[in-house]
């Protein structure tokens, strides 16, 4: 969180506005219900950016392969892993 919040702020988003930046966003996609994504950035009521955070020592490919289908099904324009 100490790295992610300043990163989101540097992109010009108000992290204190719960309509613009939603932590622990629940994305009910297909048969997967209750899946949480670390941060969702909204614009005009639509998700525009999803941010999923992982520990630096974890292999990102392990998580990315599982999430690619969800992201493309969800049709999010920008996603950051």
N, C-alpha and C. Protein backbone atom coordinates (compact mmCIF):
# COMPACT_ATOMS: atom_id res chain seq x y z
N UNK A 1 0.82 -1.19 0.00
CA UNK A 1 0.00 0.00 0.00
C UNK A 1 0.87 1.26 0.00
N UNK A 2 2.03 1.17 0.64
CA UNK A 2 2.92 2.33 0.71
C UNK A 2 3.47 2.70 -0.66
N UNK A 3 3.50 1.76 -1.58
CA UNK A 3 3.96 2.05 -2.94
C UNK A 3 2.81 2.30 -3.90
N UNK A 4 1.71 1.62 -3.69
CA UNK A 4 0.61 1.67 -4.65
C UNK A 4 -0.16 2.99 -4.57
N UNK A 5 -0.47 3.44 -3.37
CA UNK A 5 -1.23 4.70 -3.23
C UNK A 5 -0.48 5.88 -3.87
N UNK A 6 0.81 6.08 -3.59
CA UNK A 6 1.52 7.17 -4.28
C UNK A 6 1.56 6.98 -5.80
N UNK A 7 1.65 5.72 -6.25
CA UNK A 7 1.63 5.45 -7.69
C UNK A 7 0.31 5.90 -8.32
N UNK A 8 -0.79 5.54 -7.68
CA UNK A 8 -2.10 5.93 -8.20
C UNK A 8 -2.25 7.45 -8.17
N UNK A 9 -1.77 8.09 -7.10
CA UNK A 9 -1.83 9.55 -7.01
C UNK A 9 -0.99 10.20 -8.11
N UNK A 10 0.16 9.60 -8.42
CA UNK A 10 1.02 10.17 -9.46
C UNK A 10 0.37 10.09 -10.84
N UNK A 11 -0.58 9.18 -11.00
CA UNK A 11 -1.33 9.10 -12.25
C UNK A 11 -2.44 10.15 -12.32
N UNK A 12 -2.64 10.87 -11.20
CA UNK A 12 -3.62 11.95 -11.18
C UNK A 12 -4.97 11.59 -10.60
N UNK A 13 -5.05 10.44 -9.94
CA UNK A 13 -6.33 10.02 -9.36
C UNK A 13 -6.39 10.37 -7.88
N UNK A 14 -7.60 10.66 -7.40
CA UNK A 14 -7.82 10.98 -5.99
C UNK A 14 -8.10 9.68 -5.23
N UNK A 15 -7.09 9.20 -4.51
CA UNK A 15 -7.22 7.92 -3.80
C UNK A 15 -8.20 8.00 -2.64
N UNK A 16 -8.58 9.19 -2.24
CA UNK A 16 -9.52 9.36 -1.13
C UNK A 16 -10.96 9.49 -1.61
N UNK A 17 -11.17 9.45 -2.92
CA UNK A 17 -12.51 9.50 -3.50
C UNK A 17 -12.95 8.07 -3.78
N UNK A 18 -13.89 7.53 -2.99
CA UNK A 18 -14.30 6.13 -3.16
C UNK A 18 -15.07 5.85 -4.45
N UNK A 19 -15.44 6.89 -5.16
CA UNK A 19 -16.11 6.70 -6.45
C UNK A 19 -15.07 6.58 -7.56
N UNK A 20 -13.88 7.12 -7.32
CA UNK A 20 -12.82 7.12 -8.34
C UNK A 20 -11.84 5.96 -8.17
N UNK A 21 -11.42 5.68 -6.93
CA UNK A 21 -10.48 4.60 -6.65
C UNK A 21 -11.13 3.67 -5.62
N UNK A 22 -11.33 2.42 -6.01
CA UNK A 22 -12.01 1.46 -5.14
C UNK A 22 -11.02 0.36 -4.74
N UNK A 23 -10.64 0.31 -3.45
CA UNK A 23 -9.78 -0.79 -3.00
C UNK A 23 -10.60 -2.06 -2.81
N UNK A 24 -9.95 -3.21 -2.98
CA UNK A 24 -10.60 -4.52 -2.80
C UNK A 24 -11.88 -4.61 -3.64
N UNK A 25 -11.75 -4.24 -4.91
CA UNK A 25 -12.88 -4.25 -5.83
C UNK A 25 -13.34 -5.69 -6.07
N UNK A 26 -14.61 -5.95 -5.90
CA UNK A 26 -15.15 -7.28 -6.12
C UNK A 26 -15.61 -7.38 -7.57
N UNK A 27 -15.00 -8.30 -8.29
CA UNK A 27 -15.34 -8.46 -9.71
C UNK A 27 -15.98 -9.82 -9.91
N UNK A 28 -17.27 -9.83 -9.97
CA UNK A 28 -18.01 -11.07 -10.23
C UNK A 28 -18.02 -11.32 -11.74
N UNK A 29 -17.12 -12.19 -12.17
CA UNK A 29 -16.97 -12.45 -13.60
C UNK A 29 -17.33 -13.90 -13.88
N UNK A 30 -18.26 -14.11 -14.80
CA UNK A 30 -18.62 -15.47 -15.20
C UNK A 30 -19.02 -16.31 -14.00
N UNK A 31 -18.37 -17.47 -13.85
CA UNK A 31 -18.69 -18.36 -12.74
C UNK A 31 -17.92 -18.02 -11.48
N UNK A 32 -16.92 -17.15 -11.59
CA UNK A 32 -16.14 -16.74 -10.42
C UNK A 32 -16.87 -15.61 -9.71
N UNK A 33 -17.29 -15.87 -8.52
CA UNK A 33 -18.00 -14.86 -7.74
C UNK A 33 -17.17 -14.46 -6.54
N UNK A 34 -17.14 -13.17 -6.26
CA UNK A 34 -16.43 -12.68 -5.08
C UNK A 34 -14.94 -12.54 -5.26
N UNK A 35 -14.43 -12.60 -6.50
CA UNK A 35 -13.00 -12.40 -6.74
C UNK A 35 -12.66 -10.94 -6.47
N UNK A 36 -11.62 -10.71 -5.69
CA UNK A 36 -11.23 -9.35 -5.35
C UNK A 36 -9.98 -8.94 -6.10
N UNK A 37 -10.02 -7.72 -6.61
CA UNK A 37 -8.87 -7.11 -7.26
C UNK A 37 -8.43 -5.98 -6.35
N UNK A 38 -7.12 -5.80 -6.21
CA UNK A 38 -6.61 -4.87 -5.20
C UNK A 38 -7.15 -3.45 -5.37
N UNK A 39 -7.11 -2.92 -6.57
CA UNK A 39 -7.63 -1.57 -6.79
C UNK A 39 -8.30 -1.50 -8.16
N UNK A 40 -9.42 -0.78 -8.21
CA UNK A 40 -10.09 -0.48 -9.47
C UNK A 40 -10.18 1.03 -9.58
N UNK A 41 -9.81 1.56 -10.72
CA UNK A 41 -9.93 2.99 -10.97
C UNK A 41 -11.08 3.18 -11.93
N UNK A 42 -12.01 4.03 -11.52
CA UNK A 42 -13.24 4.24 -12.26
C UNK A 42 -13.22 5.58 -12.98
N UNK A 43 -13.94 5.63 -14.10
CA UNK A 43 -14.17 6.89 -14.80
C UNK A 43 -15.56 6.83 -15.39
N UNK A 44 -16.36 7.82 -15.09
CA UNK A 44 -17.74 7.89 -15.57
C UNK A 44 -18.53 6.63 -15.23
N UNK A 45 -18.26 6.07 -14.05
CA UNK A 45 -19.00 4.90 -13.59
C UNK A 45 -18.55 3.58 -14.17
N UNK A 46 -17.46 3.58 -14.94
CA UNK A 46 -16.94 2.36 -15.56
C UNK A 46 -15.51 2.10 -15.09
N UNK A 47 -15.18 0.83 -14.95
CA UNK A 47 -13.82 0.46 -14.58
C UNK A 47 -12.91 0.76 -15.77
N UNK A 48 -11.83 1.51 -15.52
CA UNK A 48 -10.89 1.81 -16.59
C UNK A 48 -9.53 1.17 -16.36
N UNK A 49 -9.15 1.01 -15.07
CA UNK A 49 -7.86 0.41 -14.75
C UNK A 49 -8.04 -0.53 -13.56
N UNK A 50 -7.47 -1.71 -13.68
CA UNK A 50 -7.40 -2.64 -12.55
C UNK A 50 -5.95 -2.78 -12.14
N UNK A 51 -5.70 -2.78 -10.83
CA UNK A 51 -4.34 -2.94 -10.31
C UNK A 51 -4.34 -4.12 -9.35
N UNK A 52 -3.52 -5.10 -9.66
CA UNK A 52 -3.36 -6.27 -8.81
C UNK A 52 -1.93 -6.25 -8.27
N UNK A 53 -1.79 -6.30 -6.95
CA UNK A 53 -0.48 -6.19 -6.31
C UNK A 53 -0.05 -7.55 -5.76
N UNK A 54 1.21 -7.85 -5.92
CA UNK A 54 1.78 -9.09 -5.40
C UNK A 54 3.10 -8.78 -4.72
N UNK A 55 3.52 -9.67 -3.84
CA UNK A 55 4.81 -9.55 -3.17
C UNK A 55 5.93 -9.63 -4.21
N UNK A 56 7.00 -8.88 -4.00
CA UNK A 56 8.07 -8.82 -4.99
C UNK A 56 8.73 -10.18 -5.25
N UNK A 57 8.68 -11.08 -4.28
CA UNK A 57 9.35 -12.37 -4.44
C UNK A 57 8.45 -13.42 -5.11
N UNK A 58 7.18 -13.10 -5.32
CA UNK A 58 6.28 -14.05 -5.95
C UNK A 58 6.42 -14.01 -7.47
N UNK A 59 6.24 -15.15 -8.09
CA UNK A 59 6.32 -15.25 -9.53
C UNK A 59 5.05 -14.65 -10.14
N UNK A 60 5.16 -13.54 -10.87
CA UNK A 60 3.94 -12.91 -11.40
C UNK A 60 3.24 -13.75 -12.47
N UNK A 61 3.95 -14.59 -13.18
CA UNK A 61 3.33 -15.40 -14.22
C UNK A 61 2.31 -16.37 -13.65
N UNK A 62 2.55 -16.84 -12.45
CA UNK A 62 1.61 -17.76 -11.81
C UNK A 62 0.24 -17.10 -11.67
N UNK A 63 0.24 -15.84 -11.27
CA UNK A 63 -1.02 -15.11 -11.06
C UNK A 63 -1.58 -14.54 -12.36
N UNK A 64 -0.69 -14.14 -13.25
CA UNK A 64 -1.15 -13.51 -14.49
C UNK A 64 -1.93 -14.47 -15.37
N UNK A 65 -1.46 -15.69 -15.47
CA UNK A 65 -2.12 -16.65 -16.35
C UNK A 65 -3.55 -16.93 -15.87
N UNK A 66 -3.74 -16.96 -14.58
CA UNK A 66 -5.08 -17.19 -14.03
C UNK A 66 -5.98 -15.99 -14.26
N UNK A 67 -5.39 -14.79 -14.25
CA UNK A 67 -6.19 -13.57 -14.34
C UNK A 67 -6.41 -13.08 -15.77
N UNK A 68 -5.61 -13.52 -16.74
CA UNK A 68 -5.77 -13.03 -18.11
C UNK A 68 -7.17 -13.27 -18.66
N UNK A 69 -7.69 -14.47 -18.47
CA UNK A 69 -9.03 -14.76 -18.97
C UNK A 69 -10.05 -13.83 -18.35
N UNK A 70 -9.94 -13.62 -17.04
CA UNK A 70 -10.88 -12.75 -16.35
C UNK A 70 -10.81 -11.32 -16.88
N UNK A 71 -9.61 -10.83 -17.07
CA UNK A 71 -9.44 -9.44 -17.50
C UNK A 71 -9.99 -9.23 -18.90
N UNK A 72 -9.69 -10.14 -19.81
CA UNK A 72 -10.18 -9.96 -21.17
C UNK A 72 -11.67 -10.22 -21.27
N UNK A 73 -12.21 -11.07 -20.43
CA UNK A 73 -13.65 -11.28 -20.39
C UNK A 73 -14.34 -10.04 -19.85
N UNK A 74 -13.70 -9.42 -18.84
CA UNK A 74 -14.25 -8.22 -18.20
C UNK A 74 -14.13 -7.00 -19.10
N UNK A 75 -13.22 -7.08 -20.08
CA UNK A 75 -12.99 -6.00 -21.06
C UNK A 75 -12.53 -4.70 -20.40
N UNK A 76 -11.55 -4.81 -19.54
CA UNK A 76 -10.98 -3.63 -18.90
C UNK A 76 -9.90 -3.09 -19.82
N UNK A 77 -9.97 -1.81 -20.20
CA UNK A 77 -8.99 -1.25 -21.13
C UNK A 77 -7.55 -1.31 -20.64
N UNK A 78 -7.31 -1.05 -19.36
CA UNK A 78 -5.95 -0.98 -18.85
C UNK A 78 -5.86 -1.78 -17.57
N UNK A 79 -4.91 -2.67 -17.50
CA UNK A 79 -4.70 -3.45 -16.28
C UNK A 79 -3.22 -3.46 -15.95
N UNK A 80 -2.92 -3.30 -14.68
CA UNK A 80 -1.53 -3.26 -14.23
C UNK A 80 -1.32 -4.41 -13.28
N UNK A 81 -0.29 -5.21 -13.52
CA UNK A 81 0.07 -6.31 -12.62
C UNK A 81 1.34 -5.98 -11.93
